[in-house]
Amino acid sequence: MLSRPFEKPIRVWVGLGFPCQLNTVADAYHFAMEWCGNSPEQKAAIRACKAALTGEVEAETARGIFIAFARKKDILMQDGDTPSPLGKLAPTHV
């Protein structure tokens, strides 16, 4: 299995709003596996990452499916989001 890098990392919020950067398919796979839950989006992200790790699909395909999972769970960091001492609970725009 190859841990293939993404063209652009995925940034997600974890815990109480702390940022986490996922640089590779393996990073995304481990994150999805450890995520508490069992949603269809999570299962799809896990399957896509597994397929990318074995070379069945491109890393960017898995990235897109993982992003859909993260967006559905409201943990995807958008461009311009900045971490704060209070995590995601703090307003990022004034």
C-alpha atoms as a PDB file:
ATOM      1  CA  MET A   1       0.000   0.000   0.000  1.00  0.00           C
ATOM      2  CA  LEU A   2       1.238   3.433  -0.921  1.00  0.00           C
ATOM      3  CA  SER A   3       0.594   6.541   1.102  1.00  0.00           C
ATOM      4  CA  ARG A   4      -0.005   8.873  -1.797  1.00  0.00           C
ATOM      5  CA  PRO A   5       0.114  12.633  -1.166  1.00  0.00           C
ATOM      6  CA  PHE A   6      -2.744  14.944  -2.056  1.00  0.00           C
ATOM      7  CA  GLU A   7      -2.082  17.813  -4.467  1.00  0.00           C
ATOM      8  CA  LYS A   8      -3.484  20.115  -1.779  1.00  0.00           C
ATOM      9  CA  PRO A   9      -3.797  19.062   1.878  1.00  0.00           C
ATOM     10  CA  ILE A  10      -7.194  18.759   3.528  1.00  0.00           C
ATOM     11  CA  ARG A  11      -7.646  20.782   6.687  1.00  0.00           C
ATOM     12  CA  VAL A  12     -10.260  19.711   9.217  1.00  0.00           C
ATOM     13  CA  TRP A  13     -11.357  20.770  12.668  1.00  0.00           C
ATOM     14  CA  VAL A  14     -10.849  18.236  15.452  1.00  0.00           C
ATOM     15  CA  GLY A  15     -11.781  18.125  19.124  1.00  0.00           C
ATOM     16  CA  LEU A  16     -12.993  21.491  20.313  1.00  0.00           C
ATOM     17  CA  GLY A  17     -12.064  23.235  17.108  1.00  0.00           C
ATOM     18  CA  PHE A  18      -8.374  22.583  16.708  1.00  0.00           C
ATOM     19  CA  PRO A  19      -6.996  22.350  13.161  1.00  0.00           C
ATOM     20  CA  CYS A  20      -5.590  19.169  11.690  1.00  0.00           C
ATOM     21  CA  GLN A  21      -3.927  18.888   8.287  1.00  0.00           C
ATOM     22  CA  LEU A  22      -4.212  15.690   6.260  1.00  0.00           C
ATOM     23  CA  ASN A  23      -1.438  15.500   3.662  1.00  0.00           C
ATOM     24  CA  THR A  24      -1.820  11.976   2.314  1.00  0.00           C
ATOM     25  CA  VAL A  25      -4.399   9.311   1.580  1.00  0.00           C
ATOM     26  CA  ALA A  26      -3.118   7.403   4.617  1.00  0.00           C
ATOM     27  CA  ASP A  27      -3.713  10.460   6.831  1.00  0.00           C
ATOM     28  CA  ALA A  28      -7.303  10.739   5.575  1.00  0.00           C
ATOM     29  CA  TYR A  29      -7.873   6.993   5.951  1.00  0.00           C
ATOM     30  CA  HIS A  30      -6.700   6.980   9.569  1.00  0.00           C
ATOM     31  CA  PHE A  31      -8.782  10.062  10.358  1.00  0.00           C
ATOM     32  CA  ALA A  32     -11.941   8.518   8.871  1.00  0.00           C
ATOM     33  CA  MET A  33     -11.325   5.208  10.654  1.00  0.00           C
ATOM     34  CA  GLU A  34     -10.924   6.958  14.016  1.00  0.00           C
ATOM     35  CA  TRP A  35     -13.929   9.252  13.536  1.00  0.00           C
ATOM     36  CA  CYS A  36     -16.733   8.379  15.932  1.00  0.00           C
ATOM     37  CA  GLY A  37     -19.736   7.409  13.861  1.00  0.00           C
ATOM     38  CA  ASN A  38     -20.899   5.166  11.097  1.00  0.00           C
ATOM     39  CA  SER A  39     -22.470   7.422   8.463  1.00  0.00           C
ATOM     40  CA  PRO A  40     -22.707   6.574   4.769  1.00  0.00           C
ATOM     41  CA  GLU A  41     -20.320   9.476   4.029  1.00  0.00           C
ATOM     42  CA  GLN A  42     -17.763   8.132   6.474  1.00  0.00           C
ATOM     43  CA  LYS A  43     -18.019   4.642   4.988  1.00  0.00           C
ATOM     44  CA  ALA A  44     -17.584   6.096   1.483  1.00  0.00           C
ATOM     45  CA  ALA A  45     -14.487   8.050   2.592  1.00  0.00           C
ATOM     46  CA  ILE A  46     -12.970   4.909   4.115  1.00  0.00           C
ATOM     47  CA  ARG A  47     -13.678   2.845   0.978  1.00  0.00           C
ATOM     48  CA  ALA A  48     -12.264   5.558  -1.290  1.00  0.00           C
ATOM     49  CA  CYS A  49      -9.095   5.910   0.760  1.00  0.00           C
ATOM     50  CA  LYS A  50      -8.610   2.130   0.819  1.00  0.00           C
ATOM     51  CA  ALA A  51      -9.013   2.048  -2.968  1.00  0.00           C
ATOM     52  CA  ALA A  52      -6.488   4.866  -3.380  1.00  0.00           C
ATOM     53  CA  LEU A  53      -4.016   3.128  -1.081  1.00  0.00           C
ATOM     54  CA  THR A  54      -4.169   0.012  -3.229  1.00  0.00           C
ATOM     55  CA  GLY A  55      -3.932   1.983  -6.472  1.00  0.00           C
ATOM     56  CA  GLU A  56      -7.480   1.274  -7.652  1.00  0.00           C
ATOM     57  CA  VAL A  57      -8.378   4.991  -7.784  1.00  0.00           C
ATOM     58  CA  GLU A  58      -6.424   8.235  -7.868  1.00  0.00           C
ATOM     59  CA  ALA A  59      -5.553  10.026  -4.640  1.00  0.00           C
ATOM     60  CA  GLU A  60      -7.550  13.057  -5.794  1.00  0.00           C
ATOM     61  CA  THR A  61     -10.683  10.926  -6.180  1.00  0.00           C
ATOM     62  CA  ALA A  62     -10.343   9.801  -2.569  1.00  0.00           C
ATOM     63  CA  ARG A  63      -9.660  13.412  -1.578  1.00  0.00           C
ATOM     64  CA  GLY A  64     -12.939  14.557  -3.128  1.00  0.00           C
ATOM     65  CA  ILE A  65     -14.936  11.865  -1.374  1.00  0.00           C
ATOM     66  CA  PHE A  66     -13.219  12.587   1.941  1.00  0.00           C
ATOM     67  CA  ILE A  67     -14.011  16.302   1.519  1.00  0.00           C
ATOM     68  CA  ALA A  68     -17.697  15.443   1.027  1.00  0.00           C
ATOM     69  CA  PHE A  69     -17.577  13.493   4.312  1.00  0.00           C
ATOM     70  CA  ALA A  70     -15.835  16.350   6.145  1.00  0.00           C
ATOM     71  CA  ARG A  71     -18.250  18.926   4.729  1.00  0.00           C
ATOM     72  CA  LYS A  72     -21.270  16.825   5.778  1.00  0.00           C
ATOM     73  CA  LYS A  73     -19.879  16.558   9.325  1.00  0.00           C
ATOM     74  CA  ASP A  74     -19.098  20.322   9.364  1.00  0.00           C
ATOM     75  CA  ILE A  75     -15.421  19.764  10.131  1.00  0.00           C
ATOM     76  CA  LEU A  76     -13.913  20.967   6.846  1.00  0.00           C
ATOM     77  CA  MET A  77     -11.777  24.076   7.302  1.00  0.00           C
ATOM     78  CA  GLN A  78     -12.472  26.599   4.571  1.00  0.00           C
ATOM     79  CA  ASP A  79      -9.768  28.745   3.015  1.00  0.00           C
ATOM     80  CA  GLY A  80      -9.374  31.772   5.234  1.00  0.00           C
ATOM     81  CA  ASP A  81     -10.394  29.960   8.430  1.00  0.00           C
ATOM     82  CA  THR A  82      -7.824  30.596  11.094  1.00  0.00           C
ATOM     83  CA  PRO A  83      -7.460  28.698  14.341  1.00  0.00           C
ATOM     84  CA  SER A  84      -8.003  30.703  17.497  1.00  0.00           C
ATOM     85  CA  PRO A  85      -7.292  30.025  21.164  1.00  0.00           C
ATOM     86  CA  LEU A  86     -10.996  29.168  21.571  1.00  0.00           C
ATOM     87  CA  GLY A  87     -11.064  26.831  18.591  1.00  0.00           C
ATOM     88  CA  LYS A  88     -13.929  26.774  16.119  1.00  0.00           C
ATOM     89  CA  LEU A  89     -16.258  28.399  18.631  1.00  0.00           C
ATOM     90  CA  ALA A  90     -14.521  31.736  18.179  1.00  0.00           C
ATOM     91  CA  PRO A  91     -15.684  33.967  15.318  1.00  0.00           C
ATOM     92  CA  THR A  92     -13.167  34.128  12.488  1.00  0.00           C
ATOM     93  CA  HIS A  93     -14.713  37.111  10.714  1.00  0.00           C
ATOM     94  CA  VAL A  94     -15.664  40.476  12.170  1.00  0.00           C
END
